[in-house]
């Protein structure tokens, strides 16, 4: 999955609109792709952390489950979403996977690049 660079909408105060944002990926994925994502991260990345999102608007407890437990909770519906933080290819990535009526939604951002963007 590749992501393109985005630009900010023009600000109401006339601020420049060409400020680059870090690339972001936002796609719908099916069950098999969710399974492959967890496999790929386990096999080819260095896991930094896992955050579970409880059903509703609350965050799950502060314990960081392992990758297999997070995968099982997401697939069983015990978690509304999971954020996977990992290092791969010299960057730190944050993948957020959430349940939607159409399947799963994956939002991926390079946390490394996001930190490099200079605020104006």
PDB file of N, CA and C in Angstrom:
ATOM      1  N   UNK A   1       0.837  -1.165   0.000  1.00  0.00           N
ATOM      2  CA  UNK A   1       0.000   0.000   0.000  1.00  0.00           C
ATOM      3  C   UNK A   1       0.883   1.229   0.000  1.00  0.00           C
ATOM      4  N   UNK A   2       0.664   2.071  -0.942  1.00  0.00           N
ATOM      5  CA  UNK A   2       1.473   3.278  -0.986  1.00  0.00           C
ATOM      6  C   UNK A   2       0.607   4.472  -0.642  1.00  0.00           C
ATOM      7  N   UNK A   3       1.247   5.507  -0.220  1.00  0.00           N
ATOM      8  CA  UNK A   3       0.521   6.714   0.154  1.00  0.00           C
ATOM      9  C   UNK A   3       1.182   7.900  -0.516  1.00  0.00           C
ATOM     10  N   UNK A   4       0.393   8.839  -0.950  1.00  0.00           N
ATOM     11  CA  UNK A   4       0.929  10.035  -1.571  1.00  0.00           C
ATOM     12  C   UNK A   4       0.996  11.174  -0.584  1.00  0.00           C
ATOM     13  N   UNK A   5       1.737  12.187  -0.945  1.00  0.00           N
ATOM     14  CA  UNK A   5       1.830  13.354  -0.078  1.00  0.00           C
ATOM     15  C   UNK A   5       0.531  14.138  -0.168  1.00  0.00           C
ATOM     16  N   UNK A   6       0.137  14.718   0.928  1.00  0.00           N
ATOM     17  CA  UNK A   6      -1.064  15.538   0.969  1.00  0.00           C
ATOM     18  C   UNK A   6      -0.665  16.975   1.228  1.00  0.00           C
ATOM     19  N   UNK A   7      -1.531  17.883   0.885  1.00  0.00           N
ATOM     20  CA  UNK A   7      -1.294  19.283   1.204  1.00  0.00           C
ATOM     21  C   UNK A   7      -2.459  19.804   2.011  1.00  0.00           C
ATOM     22  N   UNK A   8      -2.212  20.835   2.773  1.00  0.00           N
ATOM     23  CA  UNK A   8      -3.263  21.416   3.603  1.00  0.00           C
ATOM     24  C   UNK A   8      -4.172  22.298   2.753  1.00  0.00           C
ATOM     25  N   UNK A   9      -5.436  22.343   3.161  1.00  0.00           N
ATOM     26  CA  UNK A   9      -6.386  23.262   2.534  1.00  0.00           C
ATOM     27  C   UNK A   9      -5.971  24.691   2.878  1.00  0.00           C
ATOM     28  N   UNK A  10      -6.313  25.651   2.032  1.00  0.00           N
ATOM     29  CA  UNK A  10      -5.978  27.040   2.364  1.00  0.00           C
ATOM     30  C   UNK A  10      -6.636  27.439   3.682  1.00  0.00           C
ATOM     31  N   UNK A  11      -5.894  28.084   4.508  1.00  0.00           N
ATOM     32  CA  UNK A  11      -6.417  28.539   5.793  1.00  0.00           C
ATOM     33  C   UNK A  11      -7.287  29.762   5.583  1.00  0.00           C
ATOM     34  N   UNK A  12      -8.228  29.955   6.487  1.00  0.00           N
ATOM     35  CA  UNK A  12      -9.133  31.101   6.398  1.00  0.00           C
ATOM     36  C   UNK A  12      -8.370  32.422   6.486  1.00  0.00           C
ATOM     37  N   UNK A  13      -7.228  32.393   7.152  1.00  0.00           N
ATOM     38  CA  UNK A  13      -6.457  33.632   7.311  1.00  0.00           C
ATOM     39  C   UNK A  13      -5.493  33.884   6.160  1.00  0.00           C
ATOM     40  N   UNK A  14      -5.568  33.055   5.110  1.00  0.00           N
ATOM     41  CA  UNK A  14      -4.723  33.256   3.941  1.00  0.00           C
ATOM     42  C   UNK A  14      -3.340  32.656   4.069  1.00  0.00           C
ATOM     43  N   UNK A  15      -3.111  31.808   5.073  1.00  0.00           N
ATOM     44  CA  UNK A  15      -1.800  31.173   5.241  1.00  0.00           C
ATOM     45  C   UNK A  15      -1.493  30.308   4.025  1.00  0.00           C
ATOM     46  N   UNK A  16      -0.234  30.061   3.758  1.00  0.00           N
ATOM     47  CA  UNK A  16       0.140  29.241   2.599  1.00  0.00           C
ATOM     48  C   UNK A  16      -0.548  27.880   2.642  1.00  0.00           C
ATOM     49  N   UNK A  17      -0.934  27.376   1.470  1.00  0.00           N
ATOM     50  CA  UNK A  17      -1.645  26.106   1.402  1.00  0.00           C
ATOM     51  C   UNK A  17      -0.783  24.969   0.872  1.00  0.00           C
ATOM     52  N   UNK A  18       0.485  25.223   0.586  1.00  0.00           N
ATOM     53  CA  UNK A  18       1.319  24.197  -0.017  1.00  0.00           C
ATOM     54  C   UNK A  18       2.224  23.491   0.985  1.00  0.00           C
ATOM     55  N   UNK A  19       1.937  23.637   2.266  1.00  0.00           N
ATOM     56  CA  UNK A  19       2.738  22.971   3.291  1.00  0.00           C
ATOM     57  C   UNK A  19       2.528  21.461   3.183  1.00  0.00           C
ATOM     58  N   UNK A  20       3.594  20.715   3.002  1.00  0.00           N
ATOM     59  CA  UNK A  20       3.490  19.268   2.833  1.00  0.00           C
ATOM     60  C   UNK A  20       3.212  18.587   4.165  1.00  0.00           C
ATOM     61  N   UNK A  21       2.340  17.627   4.118  1.00  0.00           N
ATOM     62  CA  UNK A  21       2.058  16.774   5.269  1.00  0.00           C
ATOM     63  C   UNK A  21       2.732  15.434   5.042  1.00  0.00           C
ATOM     64  N   UNK A  22       2.939  14.659   6.100  1.00  0.00           N
ATOM     65  CA  UNK A  22       3.519  13.342   5.878  1.00  0.00           C
ATOM     66  C   UNK A  22       2.541  12.458   5.105  1.00  0.00           C
ATOM     67  N   UNK A  23       3.048  11.554   4.292  1.00  0.00           N
ATOM     68  CA  UNK A  23       2.165  10.654   3.549  1.00  0.00           C
ATOM     69  C   UNK A  23       1.293   9.841   4.504  1.00  0.00           C
ATOM     70  N   UNK A  24       0.059   9.622   4.111  1.00  0.00           N
ATOM     71  CA  UNK A  24      -0.864   8.836   4.911  1.00  0.00           C
ATOM     72  C   UNK A  24      -1.609   7.884   3.982  1.00  0.00           C
ATOM     73  N   UNK A  25      -1.868   6.711   4.477  1.00  0.00           N
ATOM     74  CA  UNK A  25      -2.617   5.704   3.735  1.00  0.00           C
ATOM     75  C   UNK A  25      -3.912   5.457   4.491  1.00  0.00           C
ATOM     76  N   UNK A  26      -5.033   5.483   3.803  1.00  0.00           N
ATOM     77  CA  UNK A  26      -6.338   5.255   4.417  1.00  0.00           C
ATOM     78  C   UNK A  26      -7.140   4.389   3.456  1.00  0.00           C
ATOM     79  N   UNK A  27      -7.243   3.092   3.769  1.00  0.00           N
ATOM     80  CA  UNK A  27      -7.897   2.142   2.872  1.00  0.00           C
ATOM     81  C   UNK A  27      -8.776   1.174   3.651  1.00  0.00           C
ATOM     82  N   UNK A  28      -9.745   0.604   2.950  1.00  0.00           N
ATOM     83  CA  UNK A  28     -10.531  -0.491   3.506  1.00  0.00           C
ATOM     84  C   UNK A  28      -9.847  -1.795   3.131  1.00  0.00           C
ATOM     85  N   UNK A  29      -9.762  -2.721   4.093  1.00  0.00           N
ATOM     86  CA  UNK A  29      -9.118  -4.009   3.845  1.00  0.00           C
ATOM     87  C   UNK A  29     -10.032  -5.128   4.329  1.00  0.00           C
ATOM     88  N   UNK A  30      -9.845  -6.311   3.769  1.00  0.00           N
ATOM     89  CA  UNK A  30     -10.672  -7.454   4.144  1.00  0.00           C
ATOM     90  C   UNK A  30      -9.987  -8.284   5.228  1.00  0.00           C
ATOM     91  N   UNK A  31     -10.680  -9.328   5.684  1.00  0.00           N
ATOM     92  CA  UNK A  31     -10.163 -10.180   6.758  1.00  0.00           C
ATOM     93  C   UNK A  31      -8.799 -10.774   6.427  1.00  0.00           C
ATOM     94  N   UNK A  32      -8.644 -11.257   5.203  1.00  0.00           N
ATOM     95  CA  UNK A  32      -7.378 -11.887   4.814  1.00  0.00           C
ATOM     96  C   UNK A  32      -6.232 -10.873   4.849  1.00  0.00           C
ATOM     97  N   UNK A  33      -6.505  -9.635   4.469  1.00  0.00           N
ATOM     98  CA  UNK A  33      -5.469  -8.614   4.481  1.00  0.00           C
ATOM     99  C   UNK A  33      -5.111  -8.220   5.908  1.00  0.00           C
ATOM    100  N   UNK A  34      -6.102  -8.204   6.809  1.00  0.00           N
ATOM    101  CA  UNK A  34      -5.818  -7.958   8.233  1.00  0.00           C
ATOM    102  C   UNK A  34      -4.873  -9.040   8.746  1.00  0.00           C
ATOM    103  N   UNK A  35      -5.191 -10.293   8.440  1.00  0.00           N
ATOM    104  CA  UNK A  35      -4.345 -11.401   8.879  1.00  0.00           C
ATOM    105  C   UNK A  35      -2.927 -11.260   8.326  1.00  0.00           C
ATOM    106  N   UNK A  36      -2.819 -10.891   7.052  1.00  0.00           N
ATOM    107  CA  UNK A  36      -1.504 -10.727   6.422  1.00  0.00           C
ATOM    108  C   UNK A  36      -0.738  -9.572   7.047  1.00  0.00           C
ATOM    109  N   UNK A  37      -1.428  -8.484   7.378  1.00  0.00           N
ATOM    110  CA  UNK A  37      -0.790  -7.336   8.018  1.00  0.00           C
ATOM    111  C   UNK A  37      -0.142  -7.744   9.338  1.00  0.00           C
ATOM    112  N   UNK A  38      -0.889  -8.443  10.187  1.00  0.00           N
ATOM    113  CA  UNK A  38      -0.341  -8.879  11.470  1.00  0.00           C
ATOM    114  C   UNK A  38       0.828  -9.847  11.257  1.00  0.00           C
ATOM    115  N   UNK A  39       0.702 -10.750  10.290  1.00  0.00           N
ATOM    116  CA  UNK A  39       1.798 -11.679   9.991  1.00  0.00           C
ATOM    117  C   UNK A  39       3.043 -10.912   9.554  1.00  0.00           C
ATOM    118  N   UNK A  40       2.863  -9.988   8.618  1.00  0.00           N
ATOM    119  CA  UNK A  40       4.000  -9.228   8.077  1.00  0.00           C
ATOM    120  C   UNK A  40       4.720  -8.430   9.165  1.00  0.00           C
ATOM    121  N   UNK A  41       3.956  -7.783  10.027  1.00  0.00           N
ATOM    122  CA  UNK A  41       4.580  -6.995  11.093  1.00  0.00           C
ATOM    123  C   UNK A  41       5.346  -7.920  12.037  1.00  0.00           C
ATOM    124  N   UNK A  42       4.759  -9.064  12.375  1.00  0.00           N
ATOM    125  CA  UNK A  42       5.435 -10.014  13.249  1.00  0.00           C
ATOM    126  C   UNK A  42       6.701 -10.592  12.642  1.00  0.00           C
ATOM    127  N   UNK A  43       6.677 -10.800  11.329  1.00  0.00           N
ATOM    128  CA  UNK A  43       7.796 -11.452  10.659  1.00  0.00           C
ATOM    129  C   UNK A  43       8.892 -10.496  10.201  1.00  0.00           C
ATOM    130  N   UNK A  44       8.535  -9.251   9.874  1.00  0.00           N
ATOM    131  CA  UNK A  44       9.506  -8.394   9.199  1.00  0.00           C
ATOM    132  C   UNK A  44       9.743  -7.041   9.860  1.00  0.00           C
ATOM    133  N   UNK A  45       9.123  -6.797  11.005  1.00  0.00           N
ATOM    134  CA  UNK A  45       9.265  -5.489  11.629  1.00  0.00           C
ATOM    135  C   UNK A  45       9.644  -5.648  13.099  1.00  0.00           C
ATOM    136  N   UNK A  46      10.085  -4.558  13.691  1.00  0.00           N
ATOM    137  CA  UNK A  46      10.357  -4.517  15.122  1.00  0.00           C
ATOM    138  C   UNK A  46       9.166  -3.840  15.791  1.00  0.00           C
ATOM    139  N   UNK A  47       8.395  -4.599  16.553  1.00  0.00           N
ATOM    140  CA  UNK A  47       7.209  -4.067  17.210  1.00  0.00           C
ATOM    141  C   UNK A  47       7.619  -3.122  18.328  1.00  0.00           C
ATOM    142  N   UNK A  48       7.059  -1.906  18.311  1.00  0.00           N
ATOM    143  CA  UNK A  48       7.344  -0.896  19.325  1.00  0.00           C
ATOM    144  C   UNK A  48       6.244  -0.879  20.379  1.00  0.00           C
ATOM    145  N   UNK A  49       4.998  -1.024  19.948  1.00  0.00           N
ATOM    146  CA  UNK A  49       3.895  -1.008  20.890  1.00  0.00           C
ATOM    147  C   UNK A  49       2.578  -1.330  20.231  1.00  0.00           C
ATOM    148  N   UNK A  50       1.613  -1.688  21.070  1.00  0.00           N
ATOM    149  CA  UNK A  50       0.265  -2.019  20.625  1.00  0.00           C
ATOM    150  C   UNK A  50      -0.712  -1.317  21.560  1.00  0.00           C
ATOM    151  N   UNK A  51      -1.707  -0.647  20.986  1.00  0.00           N
ATOM    152  CA  UNK A  51      -2.738   0.019  21.770  1.00  0.00           C
ATOM    153  C   UNK A  51      -4.091  -0.505  21.295  1.00  0.00           C
ATOM    154  N   UNK A  52      -4.901  -1.009  22.227  1.00  0.00           N
ATOM    155  CA  UNK A  52      -6.242  -1.480  21.892  1.00  0.00           C
ATOM    156  C   UNK A  52      -7.247  -0.371  22.105  1.00  0.00           C
ATOM    157  N   UNK A  53      -8.231  -0.307  21.232  1.00  0.00           N
ATOM    158  CA  UNK A  53      -9.359   0.619  21.369  1.00  0.00           C
ATOM    159  C   UNK A  53     -10.573  -0.225  21.729  1.00  0.00           C
ATOM    160  N   UNK A  54     -11.129   0.030  22.907  1.00  0.00           N
ATOM    161  CA  UNK A  54     -12.296  -0.711  23.364  1.00  0.00           C
ATOM    162  C   UNK A  54     -13.519  -0.304  22.549  1.00  0.00           C
ATOM    163  N   UNK A  55     -14.523  -1.160  22.493  1.00  0.00           N
ATOM    164  CA  UNK A  55     -15.767  -0.758  21.815  1.00  0.00           C
ATOM    165  C   UNK A  55     -16.329   0.508  22.459  1.00  0.00           C
ATOM    166  N   UNK A  56     -16.952   1.356  21.658  1.00  0.00           N
ATOM    167  CA  UNK A  56     -17.439   2.638  22.152  1.00  0.00           C
ATOM    168  C   UNK A  56     -16.347   3.678  22.048  1.00  0.00           C
ATOM    169  N   UNK A  57     -16.439   4.706  22.834  1.00  0.00           N
ATOM    170  CA  UNK A  57     -15.490   5.818  22.749  1.00  0.00           C
ATOM    171  C   UNK A  57     -14.368   5.722  23.758  1.00  0.00           C
ATOM    172  N   UNK A  58     -14.226   4.587  24.391  1.00  0.00           N
ATOM    173  CA  UNK A  58     -13.199   4.493  25.417  1.00  0.00           C
ATOM    174  C   UNK A  58     -11.971   3.722  24.938  1.00  0.00           C
ATOM    175  N   UNK A  59     -10.876   4.008  25.570  1.00  0.00           N
ATOM    176  CA  UNK A  59      -9.630   3.300  25.283  1.00  0.00           C
ATOM    177  C   UNK A  59      -9.582   2.069  26.181  1.00  0.00           C
ATOM    178  N   UNK A  60      -9.042   0.998  25.675  1.00  0.00           N
ATOM    179  CA  UNK A  60      -8.887  -0.210  26.477  1.00  0.00           C
ATOM    180  C   UNK A  60      -7.871   0.046  27.581  1.00  0.00           C
ATOM    181  N   UNK A  61      -7.684  -0.908  28.465  1.00  0.00           N
ATOM    182  CA  UNK A  61      -6.739  -0.700  29.578  1.00  0.00           C
ATOM    183  C   UNK A  61      -5.353  -0.362  29.060  1.00  0.00           C
ATOM    184  N   UNK A  62      -4.515   0.108  29.951  1.00  0.00           N
ATOM    185  CA  UNK A  62      -3.189   0.589  29.563  1.00  0.00           C
ATOM    186  C   UNK A  62      -2.186  -0.517  29.268  1.00  0.00           C
ATOM    187  N   UNK A  63      -2.546  -1.760  29.534  1.00  0.00           N
ATOM    188  CA  UNK A  63      -1.630  -2.862  29.243  1.00  0.00           C
ATOM    189  C   UNK A  63      -1.434  -2.964  27.730  1.00  0.00           C
ATOM    190  N   UNK A  64      -0.214  -3.212  27.313  1.00  0.00           N
ATOM    191  CA  UNK A  64       0.091  -3.362  25.892  1.00  0.00           C
ATOM    192  C   UNK A  64       0.123  -4.853  25.553  1.00  0.00           C
ATOM    193  N   UNK A  65      -0.901  -5.345  24.859  1.00  0.00           N
ATOM    194  CA  UNK A  65      -0.919  -6.770  24.536  1.00  0.00           C
ATOM    195  C   UNK A  65       0.148  -7.112  23.501  1.00  0.00           C
ATOM    196  N   UNK A  66       0.449  -8.389  23.386  1.00  0.00           N
ATOM    197  CA  UNK A  66       1.366  -8.780  22.327  1.00  0.00           C
ATOM    198  C   UNK A  66       0.593  -8.795  21.002  1.00  0.00           C
ATOM    199  N   UNK A  67       1.310  -8.996  19.922  1.00  0.00           N
ATOM    200  CA  UNK A  67       0.735  -8.921  18.587  1.00  0.00           C
ATOM    201  C   UNK A  67      -0.363  -9.960  18.389  1.00  0.00           C
ATOM    202  N   UNK A  68      -0.149 -11.179  18.832  1.00  0.00           N
ATOM    203  CA  UNK A  68      -1.147 -12.245  18.652  1.00  0.00           C
ATOM    204  C   UNK A  68      -2.422 -11.937  19.431  1.00  0.00           C
ATOM    205  N   UNK A  69      -2.298 -11.431  20.653  1.00  0.00           N
ATOM    206  CA  UNK A  69      -3.477 -11.102  21.459  1.00  0.00           C
ATOM    207  C   UNK A  69      -4.257  -9.943  20.833  1.00  0.00           C
ATOM    208  N   UNK A  70      -3.556  -8.955  20.318  1.00  0.00           N
ATOM    209  CA  UNK A  70      -4.219  -7.823  19.669  1.00  0.00           C
ATOM    210  C   UNK A  70      -4.958  -8.280  18.413  1.00  0.00           C
ATOM    211  N   UNK A  71      -4.333  -9.151  17.647  1.00  0.00           N
ATOM    212  CA  UNK A  71      -4.948  -9.689  16.433  1.00  0.00           C
ATOM    213  C   UNK A  71      -6.218 -10.461  16.791  1.00  0.00           C
ATOM    214  N   UNK A  72      -6.125 -11.308  17.794  1.00  0.00           N
ATOM    215  CA  UNK A  72      -7.282 -12.101  18.219  1.00  0.00           C
ATOM    216  C   UNK A  72      -8.414 -11.200  18.726  1.00  0.00           C
ATOM    217  N   UNK A  73      -8.087 -10.169  19.506  1.00  0.00           N
ATOM    218  CA  UNK A  73      -9.106  -9.256  20.039  1.00  0.00           C
ATOM    219  C   UNK A  73      -9.796  -8.487  18.915  1.00  0.00           C
ATOM    220  N   UNK A  74      -9.041  -8.064  17.931  1.00  0.00           N
ATOM    221  CA  UNK A  74      -9.613  -7.327  16.806  1.00  0.00           C
ATOM    222  C   UNK A  74     -10.546  -8.226  16.003  1.00  0.00           C
ATOM    223  N   UNK A  75     -10.076  -9.412  15.667  1.00  0.00           N
ATOM    224  CA  UNK A  75     -10.869 -10.339  14.839  1.00  0.00           C
ATOM    225  C   UNK A  75     -12.115 -10.834  15.567  1.00  0.00           C
ATOM    226  N   UNK A  76     -12.051 -10.961  16.896  1.00  0.00           N
ATOM    227  CA  UNK A  76     -13.193 -11.445  17.672  1.00  0.00           C
ATOM    228  C   UNK A  76     -14.189 -10.339  17.997  1.00  0.00           C
ATOM    229  N   UNK A  77     -13.812  -9.085  17.720  1.00  0.00           N
ATOM    230  CA  UNK A  77     -14.683  -7.964  18.032  1.00  0.00           C
ATOM    231  C   UNK A  77     -14.567  -7.482  19.468  1.00  0.00           C
ATOM    232  N   UNK A  78     -13.618  -8.028  20.220  1.00  0.00           N
ATOM    233  CA  UNK A  78     -13.395  -7.595  21.598  1.00  0.00           C
ATOM    234  C   UNK A  78     -12.713  -6.227  21.642  1.00  0.00           C
ATOM    235  N   UNK A  79     -12.111  -5.837  20.547  1.00  0.00           N
ATOM    236  CA  UNK A  79     -11.509  -4.506  20.409  1.00  0.00           C
ATOM    237  C   UNK A  79     -12.119  -3.855  19.173  1.00  0.00           C
ATOM    238  N   UNK A  80     -12.470  -2.595  19.298  1.00  0.00           N
ATOM    239  CA  UNK A  80     -13.011  -1.859  18.149  1.00  0.00           C
ATOM    240  C   UNK A  80     -11.904  -1.489  17.174  1.00  0.00           C
ATOM    241  N   UNK A  81     -10.685  -1.400  17.694  1.00  0.00           N
ATOM    242  CA  UNK A  81      -9.548  -1.050  16.864  1.00  0.00           C
ATOM    243  C   UNK A  81      -8.243  -1.362  17.558  1.00  0.00           C
ATOM    244  N   UNK A  82      -7.194  -1.354  16.779  1.00  0.00           N
ATOM    245  CA  UNK A  82      -5.851  -1.634  17.284  1.00  0.00           C
ATOM    246  C   UNK A  82      -4.888  -0.675  16.602  1.00  0.00           C
ATOM    247  N   UNK A  83      -3.990  -0.095  17.385  1.00  0.00           N
ATOM    248  CA  UNK A  83      -2.912   0.689  16.794  1.00  0.00           C
ATOM    249  C   UNK A  83      -1.621  -0.090  16.971  1.00  0.00           C
ATOM    250  N   UNK A  84      -0.962  -0.352  15.850  1.00  0.00           N
ATOM    251  CA  UNK A  84       0.298  -1.091  15.833  1.00  0.00           C
ATOM    252  C   UNK A  84       1.414  -0.100  15.541  1.00  0.00           C
ATOM    253  N   UNK A  85       2.367  -0.030  16.433  1.00  0.00           N
ATOM    254  CA  UNK A  85       3.516   0.869  16.266  1.00  0.00           C
ATOM    255  C   UNK A  85       4.741  -0.009  16.059  1.00  0.00           C
ATOM    256  N   UNK A  86       5.427   0.206  14.945  1.00  0.00           N
ATOM    257  CA  UNK A  86       6.553  -0.668  14.611  1.00  0.00           C
ATOM    258  C   UNK A  86       7.583   0.066  13.776  1.00  0.00           C
ATOM    259  N   UNK A  87       8.787  -0.512  13.745  1.00  0.00           N
ATOM    260  CA  UNK A  87       9.870   0.024  12.919  1.00  0.00           C
ATOM    261  C   UNK A  87      10.096  -0.934  11.753  1.00  0.00           C
ATOM    262  N   UNK A  88      10.207  -0.324  10.589  1.00  0.00           N
ATOM    263  CA  UNK A  88      10.484  -1.094   9.373  1.00  0.00           C
ATOM    264  C   UNK A  88      11.088  -0.146   8.339  1.00  0.00           C
ATOM    265  N   UNK A  89      12.111  -0.600   7.670  1.00  0.00           N
ATOM    266  CA  UNK A  89      12.729   0.207   6.623  1.00  0.00           C
ATOM    267  C   UNK A  89      13.306   1.521   7.104  1.00  0.00           C
ATOM    268  N   UNK A  90      13.789   1.536   8.346  1.00  0.00           N
ATOM    269  CA  UNK A  90      14.403   2.741   8.885  1.00  0.00           C
ATOM    270  C   UNK A  90      13.424   3.793   9.379  1.00  0.00           C
ATOM    271  N   UNK A  91      12.140   3.467   9.420  1.00  0.00           N
ATOM    272  CA  UNK A  91      11.139   4.419   9.888  1.00  0.00           C
ATOM    273  C   UNK A  91      10.249   3.765  10.936  1.00  0.00           C
ATOM    274  N   UNK A  92       9.627   4.617  11.763  1.00  0.00           N
ATOM    275  CA  UNK A  92       8.613   4.124  12.688  1.00  0.00           C
ATOM    276  C   UNK A  92       7.251   4.387  12.066  1.00  0.00           C
ATOM    277  N   UNK A  93       6.448   3.341  11.983  1.00  0.00           N
ATOM    278  CA  UNK A  93       5.118   3.397  11.378  1.00  0.00           C
ATOM    279  C   UNK A  93       4.058   3.186  12.443  1.00  0.00           C
ATOM    280  N   UNK A  94       2.924   3.857  12.280  1.00  0.00           N
ATOM    281  CA  UNK A  94       1.767   3.655  13.140  1.00  0.00           C
ATOM    282  C   UNK A  94       0.612   3.251  12.236  1.00  0.00           C
ATOM    283  N   UNK A  95       0.165   2.010  12.381  1.00  0.00           N
ATOM    284  CA  UNK A  95      -0.986   1.504  11.649  1.00  0.00           C
ATOM    285  C   UNK A  95      -2.156   1.405  12.617  1.00  0.00           C
ATOM    286  N   UNK A  96      -3.261   2.029  12.276  1.00  0.00           N
ATOM    287  CA  UNK A  96      -4.474   1.921  13.066  1.00  0.00           C
ATOM    288  C   UNK A  96      -5.483   1.140  12.240  1.00  0.00           C
ATOM    289  N   UNK A  97      -5.988   0.050  12.821  1.00  0.00           N
ATOM    290  CA  UNK A  97      -6.962  -0.798  12.148  1.00  0.00           C
ATOM    291  C   UNK A  97      -8.238  -0.770  12.982  1.00  0.00           C
ATOM    292  N   UNK A  98      -9.350  -0.367  12.354  1.00  0.00           N
ATOM    293  CA  UNK A  98     -10.627  -0.271  13.066  1.00  0.00           C
ATOM    294  C   UNK A  98     -11.718  -1.010  12.300  1.00  0.00           C
ATOM    295  N   UNK A  99     -12.685  -1.515  13.063  1.00  0.00           N
ATOM    296  CA  UNK A  99     -13.868  -2.131  12.460  1.00  0.00           C
ATOM    297  C   UNK A  99     -14.729  -1.059  11.815  1.00  0.00           C
ATOM    298  N   UNK A 100     -15.276  -1.344  10.646  1.00  0.00           N
ATOM    299  CA  UNK A 100     -16.265  -0.484  10.005  1.00  0.00           C
ATOM    300  C   UNK A 100     -17.368  -1.391   9.464  1.00  0.00           C
ATOM    301  N   UNK A 101     -18.515  -0.851   9.120  1.00  0.00           N
ATOM    302  CA  UNK A 101     -19.564  -1.688   8.522  1.00  0.00           C
ATOM    303  C   UNK A 101     -19.110  -2.356   7.223  1.00  0.00           C
ATOM    304  N   UNK A 102     -18.140  -1.756   6.534  1.00  0.00           N
ATOM    305  CA  UNK A 102     -17.661  -2.297   5.258  1.00  0.00           C
ATOM    306  C   UNK A 102     -16.466  -3.231   5.406  1.00  0.00           C
ATOM    307  N   UNK A 103     -16.034  -3.506   6.619  1.00  0.00           N
ATOM    308  CA  UNK A 103     -14.853  -4.346   6.837  1.00  0.00           C
ATOM    309  C   UNK A 103     -13.927  -3.684   7.828  1.00  0.00           C
ATOM    310  N   UNK A 104     -12.666  -3.641   7.495  1.00  0.00           N
ATOM    311  CA  UNK A 104     -11.671  -2.995   8.351  1.00  0.00           C
ATOM    312  C   UNK A 104     -11.102  -1.783   7.620  1.00  0.00           C
ATOM    313  N   UNK A 105     -10.826  -0.750   8.380  1.00  0.00           N
ATOM    314  CA  UNK A 105     -10.192   0.448   7.831  1.00  0.00           C
ATOM    315  C   UNK A 105      -8.776   0.508   8.378  1.00  0.00           C
ATOM    316  N   UNK A 106      -7.807   0.673   7.487  1.00  0.00           N
ATOM    317  CA  UNK A 106      -6.403   0.805   7.854  1.00  0.00           C
ATOM    318  C   UNK A 106      -5.965   2.231   7.587  1.00  0.00           C
ATOM    319  N   UNK A 107      -5.446   2.875   8.620  1.00  0.00           N
ATOM    320  CA  UNK A 107      -4.847   4.195   8.483  1.00  0.00           C
ATOM    321  C   UNK A 107      -3.380   4.043   8.863  1.00  0.00           C
ATOM    322  N   UNK A 108      -2.502   4.328   7.924  1.00  0.00           N
ATOM    323  CA  UNK A 108      -1.055   4.156   8.142  1.00  0.00           C
ATOM    324  C   UNK A 108      -0.353   5.484   7.948  1.00  0.00           C
ATOM    325  N   UNK A 109       0.530   5.796   8.890  1.00  0.00           N
ATOM    326  CA  UNK A 109       1.336   7.008   8.781  1.00  0.00           C
ATOM    327  C   UNK A 109       2.754   6.708   9.264  1.00  0.00           C
ATOM    328  N   UNK A 110       3.700   7.342   8.621  1.00  0.00           N
ATOM    329  CA  UNK A 110       5.076   7.271   9.086  1.00  0.00           C
ATOM    330  C   UNK A 110       5.215   8.258  10.230  1.00  0.00           C
ATOM    331  N   UNK A 111       5.350   7.751  11.429  1.00  0.00           N
ATOM    332  CA  UNK A 111       5.521   8.623  12.587  1.00  0.00           C
ATOM    333  C   UNK A 111       6.839   9.383  12.472  1.00  0.00           C
ATOM    334  N   UNK A 112       7.825   8.764  11.869  1.00  0.00           N
ATOM    335  CA  UNK A 112       9.128   9.406  11.656  1.00  0.00           C
ATOM    336  C   UNK A 112       8.955  10.669  10.809  1.00  0.00           C
ATOM    337  N   UNK A 113       8.229  10.563   9.699  1.00  0.00           N
ATOM    338  CA  UNK A 113       8.021  11.709   8.817  1.00  0.00           C
ATOM    339  C   UNK A 113       7.102  12.760   9.458  1.00  0.00           C
ATOM    340  N   UNK A 114       6.112  12.285  10.223  1.00  0.00           N
ATOM    341  CA  UNK A 114       5.194  13.224  10.879  1.00  0.00           C
ATOM    342  C   UNK A 114       5.960  14.118  11.869  1.00  0.00           C
ATOM    343  N   UNK A 115       6.908  13.549  12.570  1.00  0.00           N
ATOM    344  CA  UNK A 115       7.708  14.329  13.512  1.00  0.00           C
ATOM    345  C   UNK A 115       8.644  15.309  12.809  1.00  0.00           C
ATOM    346  N   UNK A 116       8.964  15.014  11.540  1.00  0.00           N
ATOM    347  CA  UNK A 116       9.903  15.864  10.783  1.00  0.00           C
ATOM    348  C   UNK A 116       9.213  17.083  10.181  1.00  0.00           C
ATOM    349  N   UNK A 117       7.872  17.113  10.151  1.00  0.00           N
ATOM    350  CA  UNK A 117       7.163  18.245   9.560  1.00  0.00           C
ATOM    351  C   UNK A 117       7.267  19.430  10.522  1.00  0.00           C
ATOM    352  N   UNK A 118       7.711  20.542   9.992  1.00  0.00           N
ATOM    353  CA  UNK A 118       7.879  21.762  10.793  1.00  0.00           C
ATOM    354  C   UNK A 118       6.540  22.483  10.886  1.00  0.00           C
ATOM    355  N   UNK A 119       6.059  22.734  12.110  1.00  0.00           N
ATOM    356  CA  UNK A 119       4.828  23.530  12.238  1.00  0.00           C
ATOM    357  C   UNK A 119       5.077  24.977  11.836  1.00  0.00           C
ATOM    358  N   UNK A 120       4.066  25.593  11.299  1.00  0.00           N
ATOM    359  CA  UNK A 120       4.214  27.017  10.898  1.00  0.00           C
ATOM    360  C   UNK A 120       3.551  27.899  11.880  1.00  0.00           C
TER     361      UNK A 120
END
